C-alpha atoms as a PDB file:
ATOM      1  CA  MET A   1      92.940 127.817 104.518  1.00  0.00           C
ATOM      2  CA  GLY A   2      93.768 124.268 103.468  1.00  0.00           C
ATOM      3  CA  TYR A   3      92.279 121.269 105.231  1.00  0.00           C
ATOM      4  CA  PRO A   4      94.386 118.227 106.208  1.00  0.00           C
ATOM      5  CA  TRP A   5      94.016 115.055 104.167  1.00  0.00           C
ATOM      6  CA  PRO A   6      92.775 112.351 104.867  1.00  0.00           C
ATOM      7  CA  LYS A   7      91.294 113.840 108.027  1.00  0.00           C
ATOM      8  CA  ALA A   8      87.506 113.401 108.120  1.00  0.00           C
ATOM      9  CA  PRO A   9      85.393 116.488 107.219  1.00  0.00           C
ATOM     10  CA  LEU A  10      83.877 118.590 109.972  1.00  0.00           C
ATOM     11  CA  ALA A  11      80.181 118.410 110.816  1.00  0.00           C
ATOM     12  CA  ASP A  12      79.516 121.516 108.736  1.00  0.00           C
ATOM     13  CA  GLY A  13      81.023 119.864 105.668  1.00  0.00           C
ATOM     14  CA  THR A  14      84.407 121.602 105.804  1.00  0.00           C
ATOM     15  CA  GLY A  15      87.025 119.245 104.411  1.00  0.00           C
ATOM     16  CA  THR A  16      89.776 118.732 101.879  1.00  0.00           C
ATOM     17  CA  THR A  17      88.962 120.537  98.635  1.00  0.00           C
ATOM     18  CA  SER A  18      90.012 119.813  95.068  1.00  0.00           C
ATOM     19  CA  THR A  19      92.552 122.647  95.311  1.00  0.00           C
ATOM     20  CA  ASP A  20      93.924 121.149  98.533  1.00  0.00           C
ATOM     21  CA  MET A  21      94.459 117.822  96.781  1.00  0.00           C
ATOM     22  CA  GLN A  22      96.084 119.462  93.751  1.00  0.00           C
ATOM     23  CA  ARG A  23      98.446 121.321  96.095  1.00  0.00           C
ATOM     24  CA  ILE A  24      99.333 118.112  97.943  1.00  0.00           C
ATOM     25  CA  ILE A  25      99.970 116.201  94.706  1.00  0.00           C
ATOM     26  CA  GLY A  26     101.807 119.133  93.094  1.00  0.00           C
ATOM     27  CA  SER A  27     104.184 119.344  96.049  1.00  0.00           C
ATOM     28  CA  GLN A  28     105.316 115.769  95.411  1.00  0.00           C
ATOM     29  CA  TYR A  29     106.716 116.399  91.917  1.00  0.00           C
ATOM     30  CA  MET A  30     109.296 118.692  90.355  1.00  0.00           C
ATOM     31  CA  SER A  31     108.338 118.183  86.708  1.00  0.00           C
ATOM     32  CA  SER A  32     105.436 116.947  84.615  1.00  0.00           C
ATOM     33  CA  GLY A  33     105.645 113.758  82.584  1.00  0.00           C
ATOM     34  CA  VAL A  34     105.053 110.048  82.473  1.00  0.00           C
ATOM     35  CA  LEU A  35     105.403 108.177  85.780  1.00  0.00           C
ATOM     36  CA  PRO A  36     108.596 106.121  85.286  1.00  0.00           C
ATOM     37  CA  ASN A  37     107.130 102.674  85.914  1.00  0.00           C
ATOM     38  CA  GLY A  38     107.270 101.350  82.360  1.00  0.00           C
ATOM     39  CA  GLY A  39     103.730 102.333  81.399  1.00  0.00           C
ATOM     40  CA  LEU A  40     102.178 104.617  78.765  1.00  0.00           C
ATOM     41  CA  THR A  41     104.220 103.191  75.926  1.00  0.00           C
ATOM     42  CA  VAL A  42     102.866 103.618  72.394  1.00  0.00           C
ATOM     43  CA  GLU A  43     103.094 101.243  69.431  1.00  0.00           C
ATOM     44  CA  GLY A  44     102.147 101.328  65.772  1.00  0.00           C
ATOM     45  CA  THR A  45      99.296  99.176  64.467  1.00  0.00           C
ATOM     46  CA  SER A  46      98.251  97.564  61.185  1.00  0.00           C
ATOM     47  CA  GLY A  47      96.038 100.581  60.448  1.00  0.00           C
ATOM     48  CA  MET A  48      96.206 104.361  60.845  1.00  0.00           C
ATOM     49  CA  ALA A  49      95.951 104.220  64.614  1.00  0.00           C
ATOM     50  CA  TYR A  50      98.275 103.908  67.624  1.00  0.00           C
ATOM     51  CA  LYS A  51      98.086 101.394  70.447  1.00  0.00           C
ATOM     52  CA  VAL A  52      98.580 102.986  73.874  1.00  0.00           C
ATOM     53  CA  ASN A  53      99.435 100.776  76.844  1.00  0.00           C
ATOM     54  CA  SER A  54      98.049 101.590  80.288  1.00  0.00           C
ATOM     55  CA  GLY A  55      99.962 103.818  82.697  1.00  0.00           C
ATOM     56  CA  ALA A  56      99.790 107.151  84.451  1.00  0.00           C
ATOM     57  CA  CYS A  57     101.282 110.624  84.236  1.00  0.00           C
ATOM     58  CA  PHE A  58     101.601 113.754  86.331  1.00  0.00           C
ATOM     59  CA  MET A  59     100.687 117.155  84.924  1.00  0.00           C
ATOM     60  CA  TRP A  60     100.420 120.680  86.265  1.00  0.00           C
ATOM     61  CA  THR A  61      97.052 122.378  86.588  1.00  0.00           C
ATOM     62  CA  SER A  62      98.920 125.548  87.616  1.00  0.00           C
ATOM     63  CA  TYR A  63     102.698 125.497  87.540  1.00  0.00           C
ATOM     64  CA  ALA A  64     102.895 128.980  89.097  1.00  0.00           C
ATOM     65  CA  SER A  65     100.847 127.821  92.109  1.00  0.00           C
ATOM     66  CA  ARG A  66     102.459 124.343  92.109  1.00  0.00           C
ATOM     67  CA  LEU A  67      99.098 122.634  91.672  1.00  0.00           C
ATOM     68  CA  GLY A  68      99.038 119.298  89.889  1.00  0.00           C
ATOM     69  CA  MET A  69      97.175 116.060  89.329  1.00  0.00           C
ATOM     70  CA  LEU A  70      97.851 112.402  88.631  1.00  0.00           C
ATOM     71  CA  VAL A  71      96.107 111.089  85.513  1.00  0.00           C
ATOM     72  CA  PRO A  72      95.501 107.334  85.065  1.00  0.00           C
ATOM     73  CA  VAL A  73      95.236 106.043  81.506  1.00  0.00           C
ATOM     74  CA  ASP A  74      93.629 102.758  80.443  1.00  0.00           C
ATOM     75  CA  ALA A  75      94.956 100.802  77.474  1.00  0.00           C
ATOM     76  CA  THR A  76      93.371 102.167  74.323  1.00  0.00           C
ATOM     77  CA  THR A  77      93.727 102.672  70.592  1.00  0.00           C
ATOM     78  CA  VAL A  78      93.627 106.178  69.142  1.00  0.00           C
ATOM     79  CA  ASN A  79      93.113 106.958  65.460  1.00  0.00           C
ATOM     80  CA  THR A  80      95.117 109.339  63.333  1.00  0.00           C
ATOM     81  CA  VAL A  81      94.431 110.798  59.889  1.00  0.00           C
ATOM     82  CA  ALA A  82      95.554 109.308  56.583  1.00  0.00           C
ATOM     83  CA  ALA A  83      99.233 109.616  55.677  1.00  0.00           C
ATOM     84  CA  PRO A  84     100.223 112.558  53.459  1.00  0.00           C
ATOM     85  CA  SER A  85     100.443 111.960  49.709  1.00  0.00           C
ATOM     86  CA  THR A  86     103.903 113.547  49.565  1.00  0.00           C
ATOM     87  CA  GLY A  87     106.638 114.281  52.065  1.00  0.00           C
ATOM     88  CA  SER A  88     106.004 113.351  55.694  1.00  0.00           C
ATOM     89  CA  ARG A  89     104.387 114.700  58.838  1.00  0.00           C
ATOM     90  CA  ILE A  90     104.749 114.440  62.612  1.00  0.00           C
ATOM     91  CA  ASP A  91     102.106 112.812  64.834  1.00  0.00           C
ATOM     92  CA  THR A  92     102.330 113.569  68.563  1.00  0.00           C
ATOM     93  CA  VAL A  93     100.366 111.325  70.917  1.00  0.00           C
ATOM     94  CA  TYR A  94      99.457 112.980  74.211  1.00  0.00           C
ATOM     95  CA  VAL A  95      97.286 112.700  77.313  1.00  0.00           C
ATOM     96  CA  ASP A  96      95.032 115.674  78.066  1.00  0.00           C
ATOM     97  CA  GLY A  97      93.751 116.938  81.412  1.00  0.00           C
ATOM     98  CA  ASP A  98      90.658 114.725  81.222  1.00  0.00           C
ATOM     99  CA  GLY A  99      92.710 111.552  80.853  1.00  0.00           C
ATOM    100  CA  ALA A 100      91.867 111.193  77.156  1.00  0.00           C
ATOM    101  CA  VAL A 101      94.566 110.090  74.706  1.00  0.00           C
ATOM    102  CA  ARG A 102      94.699 112.210  71.569  1.00  0.00           C
ATOM    103  CA  VAL A 103      96.819 112.704  68.448  1.00  0.00           C
ATOM    104  CA  VAL A 104      97.828 116.079  67.052  1.00  0.00           C
ATOM    105  CA  GLN A 105      99.708 116.741  63.812  1.00  0.00           C
ATOM    106  CA  GLY A 106     102.929 118.582  64.622  1.00  0.00           C
ATOM    107  CA  THR A 107     105.085 118.797  67.739  1.00  0.00           C
ATOM    108  CA  ALA A 108     103.053 121.277  69.820  1.00  0.00           C
ATOM    109  CA  ILE A 109     100.322 119.906  72.075  1.00  0.00           C
ATOM    110  CA  PRO A 110      97.534 122.167  73.420  1.00  0.00           C
ATOM    111  CA  SER A 111      97.840 120.807  76.978  1.00  0.00           C
ATOM    112  CA  GLY A 112      98.747 117.738  78.982  1.00  0.00           C
ATOM    113  CA  VAL A 113     101.738 115.423  78.557  1.00  0.00           C
ATOM    114  CA  ALA A 114     103.236 114.117  75.282  1.00  0.00           C
ATOM    115  CA  ILE A 115     103.837 110.358  75.405  1.00  0.00           C
ATOM    116  CA  ALA A 116     105.048 109.577  71.870  1.00  0.00           C
ATOM    117  CA  ARG A 117     105.991 111.158  68.573  1.00  0.00           C
ATOM    118  CA  PHE A 118     106.024 109.514  65.146  1.00  0.00           C
ATOM    119  CA  THR A 119     107.266 110.587  61.723  1.00  0.00           C
ATOM    120  CA  VAL A 120     104.621 109.467  59.201  1.00  0.00           C
ATOM    121  CA  PRO A 121     105.987 108.944  55.646  1.00  0.00           C
ATOM    122  CA  ALA A 122     103.874 109.567  52.576  1.00  0.00           C
ATOM    123  CA  GLY A 123     101.490 106.862  51.443  1.00  0.00           C
ATOM    124  CA  ILE A 124     101.706 104.430  54.368  1.00  0.00           C
ATOM    125  CA  THR A 125      98.549 102.632  55.497  1.00  0.00           C
ATOM    126  CA  ALA A 126      99.848 101.283  58.820  1.00  0.00           C
ATOM    127  CA  THR A 127     101.524 103.175  61.666  1.00  0.00           C
ATOM    128  CA  THR A 128     103.956 100.283  62.110  1.00  0.00           C
ATOM    129  CA  ALA A 129     105.712 101.926  59.142  1.00  0.00           C
ATOM    130  CA  ALA A 130     106.008 105.244  61.029  1.00  0.00           C
ATOM    131  CA  GLN A 131     109.233 106.008  62.911  1.00  0.00           C
ATOM    132  CA  GLN A 132     108.956 106.765  66.623  1.00  0.00           C
ATOM    133  CA  SER A 133     111.315 109.537  67.739  1.00  0.00           C
ATOM    134  CA  ILE A 134     110.176 111.202  70.992  1.00  0.00           C
ATOM    135  CA  ASP A 135     112.476 111.426  73.994  1.00  0.00           C
ATOM    136  CA  ARG A 136     109.735 111.331  76.641  1.00  0.00           C
ATOM    137  CA  ASN A 137     109.705 113.513  79.729  1.00  0.00           C
ATOM    138  CA  PHE A 138     109.251 111.680  83.021  1.00  0.00           C
ATOM    139  CA  ALA A 139     107.744 113.033  86.231  1.00  0.00           C
ATOM    140  CA  ILE A 140     110.520 113.538  88.792  1.00  0.00           C
ATOM    141  CA  ALA A 141     109.486 113.088  92.410  1.00  0.00           C
ATOM    142  CA  THR A 142     110.361 115.878  94.848  1.00  0.00           C
ATOM    143  CA  GLY A 143     113.727 115.114  96.412  1.00  0.00           C
ATOM    144  CA  GLY A 144     114.732 112.716  93.647  1.00  0.00           C
ATOM    145  CA  THR A 145     117.730 113.384  91.450  1.00  0.00           C
ATOM    146  CA  LEU A 146     117.279 115.765  88.529  1.00  0.00           C
ATOM    147  CA  GLY A 147     119.836 113.802  86.527  1.00  0.00           C
ATOM    148  CA  ARG A 148     122.356 115.626  84.354  1.00  0.00           C
ATOM    149  CA  LEU A 149     122.000 119.394  84.602  1.00  0.00           C
ATOM    150  CA  ALA A 150     124.670 120.470  82.098  1.00  0.00           C
ATOM    151  CA  GLN A 151     127.221 118.966  79.737  1.00  0.00           C
ATOM    152  CA  TRP A 152     130.097 120.195  77.590  1.00  0.00           C
ATOM    153  CA  ASN A 153     131.977 118.170  74.970  1.00  0.00           C
ATOM    154  CA  ASN A 154     135.000 119.808  73.417  1.00  0.00           C
ATOM    155  CA  SER A 155     134.534 119.973  69.651  1.00  0.00           C
ATOM    156  CA  SER A 156     137.810 121.655  68.678  1.00  0.00           C
ATOM    157  CA  VAL A 157     141.158 119.914  68.209  1.00  0.00           C
ATOM    158  CA  GLY A 158     143.491 122.821  67.400  1.00  0.00           C
ATOM    159  CA  ASN A 159     146.249 124.221  69.564  1.00  0.00           C
ATOM    160  CA  VAL A 160     145.115 125.572  72.940  1.00  0.00           C
ATOM    161  CA  GLY A 161     146.919 127.944  75.239  1.00  0.00           C
ATOM    162  CA  GLY A 162     147.501 131.564  76.072  1.00  0.00           C
ATOM    163  CA  ASN A 163     144.712 133.647  77.555  1.00  0.00           C
ATOM    164  CA  GLU A 164     141.679 132.251  79.317  1.00  0.00           C
ATOM    165  CA  THR A 165     138.990 131.221  76.809  1.00  0.00           C
ATOM    166  CA  VAL A 166     135.290 130.549  77.447  1.00  0.00           C
ATOM    167  CA  ARG A 167     134.447 127.065  76.156  1.00  0.00           C
ATOM    168  CA  ASN A 168     130.805 126.677  77.165  1.00  0.00           C
ATOM    169  CA  VAL A 169     127.996 128.461  79.034  1.00  0.00           C
ATOM    170  CA  SER A 170     124.972 126.506  80.326  1.00  0.00           C
ATOM    171  CA  ARG A 171     122.040 127.434  82.545  1.00  0.00           C
ATOM    172  CA  PHE A 172     119.854 125.363  84.842  1.00  0.00           C
ATOM    173  CA  PHE A 173     117.225 125.772  87.571  1.00  0.00           C
ATOM    174  CA  LEU A 174     117.174 124.091  90.983  1.00  0.00           C
ATOM    175  CA  PRO A 175     113.791 123.783  92.768  1.00  0.00           C
ATOM    176  CA  SER A 176     115.489 123.361  96.178  1.00  0.00           C
ATOM    177  CA  ASP A 177     118.904 123.381  97.827  1.00  0.00           C
ATOM    178  CA  ARG A 178     120.846 120.536  96.175  1.00  0.00           C
ATOM    179  CA  LEU A 179     124.118 118.628  96.316  1.00  0.00           C
ATOM    180  CA  LEU A 180     125.772 118.666  92.875  1.00  0.00           C
ATOM    181  CA  ARG A 181     128.568 116.507  91.460  1.00  0.00           C
ATOM    182  CA  LEU A 182     130.893 117.688  88.709  1.00  0.00           C
ATOM    183  CA  ASP A 183     132.949 115.283  86.572  1.00  0.00           C
ATOM    184  CA  MET A 184     135.713 116.606  84.299  1.00  0.00           C
ATOM    185  CA  THR A 185     137.896 114.535  81.955  1.00  0.00           C
ATOM    186  CA  THR A 186     140.424 115.389  79.250  1.00  0.00           C
ATOM    187  CA  THR A 187     143.061 113.754  77.052  1.00  0.00           C
ATOM    188  CA  LEU A 188     145.828 116.042  75.761  1.00  0.00           C
ATOM    189  CA  LYS A 189     149.480 116.388  74.799  1.00  0.00           C
ATOM    190  CA  SER A 190     151.952 119.158  74.102  1.00  0.00           C
ATOM    191  CA  THR A 191     151.635 120.820  70.695  1.00  0.00           C
ATOM    192  CA  VAL A 192     155.432 120.884  70.441  1.00  0.00           C
ATOM    193  CA  ALA A 193     157.125 117.794  71.873  1.00  0.00           C
ATOM    194  CA  SER A 194     159.955 119.831  73.427  1.00  0.00           C
ATOM    195  CA  GLU A 195     157.572 122.322  75.129  1.00  0.00           C
ATOM    196  CA  PRO A 196     155.725 120.552  77.964  1.00  0.00           C
ATOM    197  CA  GLY A 197     153.570 122.508  80.353  1.00  0.00           C
ATOM    198  CA  VAL A 198     150.414 122.599  82.451  1.00  0.00           C
ATOM    199  CA  SER A 199     146.908 123.372  81.216  1.00  0.00           C
ATOM    200  CA  GLU A 200     144.009 124.598  83.324  1.00  0.00           C
ATOM    201  CA  LEU A 201     140.299 123.803  82.924  1.00  0.00           C
ATOM    202  CA  SER A 202     137.974 125.722  85.215  1.00  0.00           C
ATOM    203  CA  VAL A 203     134.247 125.588  85.914  1.00  0.00           C
ATOM    204  CA  GLN A 204     132.525 128.612  87.443  1.00  0.00           C
ATOM    205  CA  PHE A 205     129.068 128.505  89.045  1.00  0.00           C
ATOM    206  CA  VAL A 206     127.129 131.754  89.459  1.00  0.00           C
ATOM    207  CA  HIS A 207     123.715 132.060  91.125  1.00  0.00           C
ATOM    208  CA  SER A 208     121.207 134.638  89.866  1.00  0.00           C
ATOM    209  CA  SER A 209     121.584 136.410  93.211  1.00  0.00           C
ATOM    210  CA  GLY A 210     125.338 136.767  92.704  1.00  0.00           C
ATOM    211  CA  PRO A 211     127.384 134.353  94.850  1.00  0.00           C
ATOM    212  CA  GLY A 212     129.024 131.323  93.299  1.00  0.00           C
ATOM    213  CA  SER A 213     132.085 129.116  93.246  1.00  0.00           C
ATOM    214  CA  THR A 214     134.896 128.052  90.894  1.00  0.00           C
ATOM    215  CA  ARG A 215     136.609 124.664  90.552  1.00  0.00           C
ATOM    216  CA  ARG A 216     139.912 124.216  88.666  1.00  0.00           C
ATOM    217  CA  MET A 217     141.736 121.185  87.228  1.00  0.00           C
ATOM    218  CA  LEU A 218     145.457 121.382  86.368  1.00  0.00           C
ATOM    219  CA  CYS A 219     146.753 118.887  83.798  1.00  0.00           C
ATOM    220  CA  SER A 220     150.385 118.313  82.859  1.00  0.00           C
ATOM    221  CA  HIS A 221     151.014 117.810  79.149  1.00  0.00           C
ATOM    222  CA  THR A 222     154.037 116.195  77.483  1.00  0.00           C
ATOM    223  CA  LYS A 223     154.896 114.819  74.040  1.00  0.00           C
ATOM    224  CA  ASP A 224     152.695 111.769  74.799  1.00  0.00           C
ATOM    225  CA  TRP A 225     148.905 111.595  75.148  1.00  0.00           C
ATOM    226  CA  ASN A 226     147.784 111.660  78.786  1.00  0.00           C
ATOM    227  CA  SER A 227     144.283 111.448  80.276  1.00  0.00           C
ATOM    228  CA  TRP A 228     143.222 113.400  83.341  1.00  0.00           C
ATOM    229  CA  GLY A 229     140.029 113.423  85.338  1.00  0.00           C
ATOM    230  CA  THR A 230     138.567 114.700  88.573  1.00  0.00           C
ATOM    231  CA  THR A 231     135.297 114.894  90.492  1.00  0.00           C
ATOM    232  CA  TRP A 232     134.065 117.703  92.711  1.00  0.00           C
ATOM    233  CA  SER A 233     131.006 118.144  94.903  1.00  0.00           C
ATOM    234  CA  PHE A 234     129.223 121.452  95.260  1.00  0.00           C
ATOM    235  CA  VAL A 235     126.379 122.663  97.481  1.00  0.00           C
ATOM    236  CA  ALA A 236     123.955 124.856  95.503  1.00  0.00           C
ATOM    237  CA  SER A 237     120.973 126.818  96.761  1.00  0.00           C
ATOM    238  CA  GLU A 238     117.637 126.831  94.950  1.00  0.00           C
ATOM    239  CA  GLY A 239     117.168 129.153  91.978  1.00  0.00           C
ATOM    240  CA  ASP A 240     118.708 129.909  88.587  1.00  0.00           C
ATOM    241  CA  TRP A 241     122.353 129.051  87.942  1.00  0.00           C
ATOM    242  CA  THR A 242     124.880 129.660  85.178  1.00  0.00           C
ATOM    243  CA  VAL A 243     127.873 127.351  84.719  1.00  0.00           C
ATOM    244  CA  THR A 244     130.833 128.471  82.572  1.00  0.00           C
ATOM    245  CA  VAL A 245     133.722 126.271  81.377  1.00  0.00           C
ATOM    246  CA  ARG A 246     137.056 127.985  80.594  1.00  0.00           C
ATOM    247  CA  SER A 247     140.550 126.891  79.573  1.00  0.00           C
ATOM    248  CA  ARG A 248     143.963 128.563  79.677  1.00  0.00           C
ATOM    249  CA  ALA A 249     147.674 127.823  79.683  1.00  0.00           C
ATOM    250  CA  TYR A 250     148.770 127.622  83.326  1.00  0.00           C
ATOM    251  CA  SER A 251     152.469 127.296  82.445  1.00  0.00           C
ATOM    252  CA  GLY A 252     154.740 126.134  79.641  1.00  0.00           C
ATOM    253  CA  GLY A 253     153.775 125.578  76.007  1.00  0.00           C
ATOM    254  CA  THR A 254     150.467 125.110  74.259  1.00  0.00           C
ATOM    255  CA  TRP A 255     148.600 121.797  74.029  1.00  0.00           C
ATOM    256  CA  THR A 256     146.089 120.001  71.847  1.00  0.00           C
ATOM    257  CA  TYR A 257     143.063 117.859  72.701  1.00  0.00           C
ATOM    258  CA  SER A 258     142.650 114.348  71.324  1.00  0.00           C
ATOM    259  CA  SER A 259     140.563 114.024  68.172  1.00  0.00           C
ATOM    260  CA  ASP A 260     139.650 110.439  69.093  1.00  0.00           C
ATOM    261  CA  SER A 261     135.995 110.340  70.189  1.00  0.00           C
ATOM    262  CA  SER A 262     136.943 107.664  72.731  1.00  0.00           C
ATOM    263  CA  TYR A 263     139.085 110.234  74.599  1.00  0.00           C
ATOM    264  CA  VAL A 264     136.759 113.186  74.915  1.00  0.00           C
ATOM    265  CA  THR A 265     137.348 116.347  76.860  1.00  0.00           C
ATOM    266  CA  GLN A 266     134.095 116.602  78.711  1.00  0.00           C
ATOM    267  CA  MET A 267     132.291 118.201  81.643  1.00  0.00           C
ATOM    268  CA  ASN A 268     129.202 116.604  83.194  1.00  0.00           C
ATOM    269  CA  LEU A 269     127.249 118.277  85.989  1.00  0.00           C
ATOM    270  CA  TRP A 270     124.936 115.981  87.947  1.00  0.00           C
ATOM    271  CA  ASP A 271     122.304 116.538  90.601  1.00  0.00           C
ATOM    272  CA  ALA A 272     123.039 114.208  93.522  1.00  0.00           C
ATOM    273  CA  GLY A 273     119.788 114.942  95.336  1.00  0.00           C
ATOM    274  CA  ILE A 274     118.198 117.277  97.829  1.00  0.00           C
ATOM    275  CA  LEU A 275     120.477 118.728 100.508  1.00  0.00           C
ATOM    276  CA  ARG A 276     119.702 117.459 103.988  1.00  0.00           C
END
């Protein structure tokens, strides 16, 4: 049985245990990563070492049991090995479960949280000449937004119409009941100027347990380019989800999407936060 924190221990010594604290801390986060307060940045130096600025991160001690810990990191410098004589290599800087900052060659870390990644060219003698490339993961607090869950950008420009066609399939996981927001935009025109019509873009959500929902956007197309957009909200229960984007001719002739990257046909699915 867990013991409340920070309630004082009982006379017999019964009190909050390490596991209790890991469960309390683990319940406050949905993902491991750097705490998003601007800390734990990494810079190259004039030698074969990396300068790590102070900060903190959250990491799981048992993801299955939702146990975790907060790890503070003091400013430090961590050495790496000499640059390769030919080609290049990857250095990954990470924080381990003891709060130590380490460097491993390659992209896989044995444990902990990766805080930076550098491509090290052959023959360099200073890490300021290495190229930093990591897209860091940040710890997301329980109840906070999960950001963008799925995205689709249309990559084809040919004629579209006829039967319903699957354009994209994405999957995502929700740790709790959430409110989602879906944005859909498109720019299109009739393939044949004298054959206007209506196109349909649909987005279907399916939960692993079966139930789901579908949203549809109808867009008129003519001989001229026209842009359309809409936003929907959607209540989704916790668990695994699949989202599928489809297109079809609703009526009239076929259409074509714009090839201009400024007028993309795009779907963005956002997490708007925990459902009250």
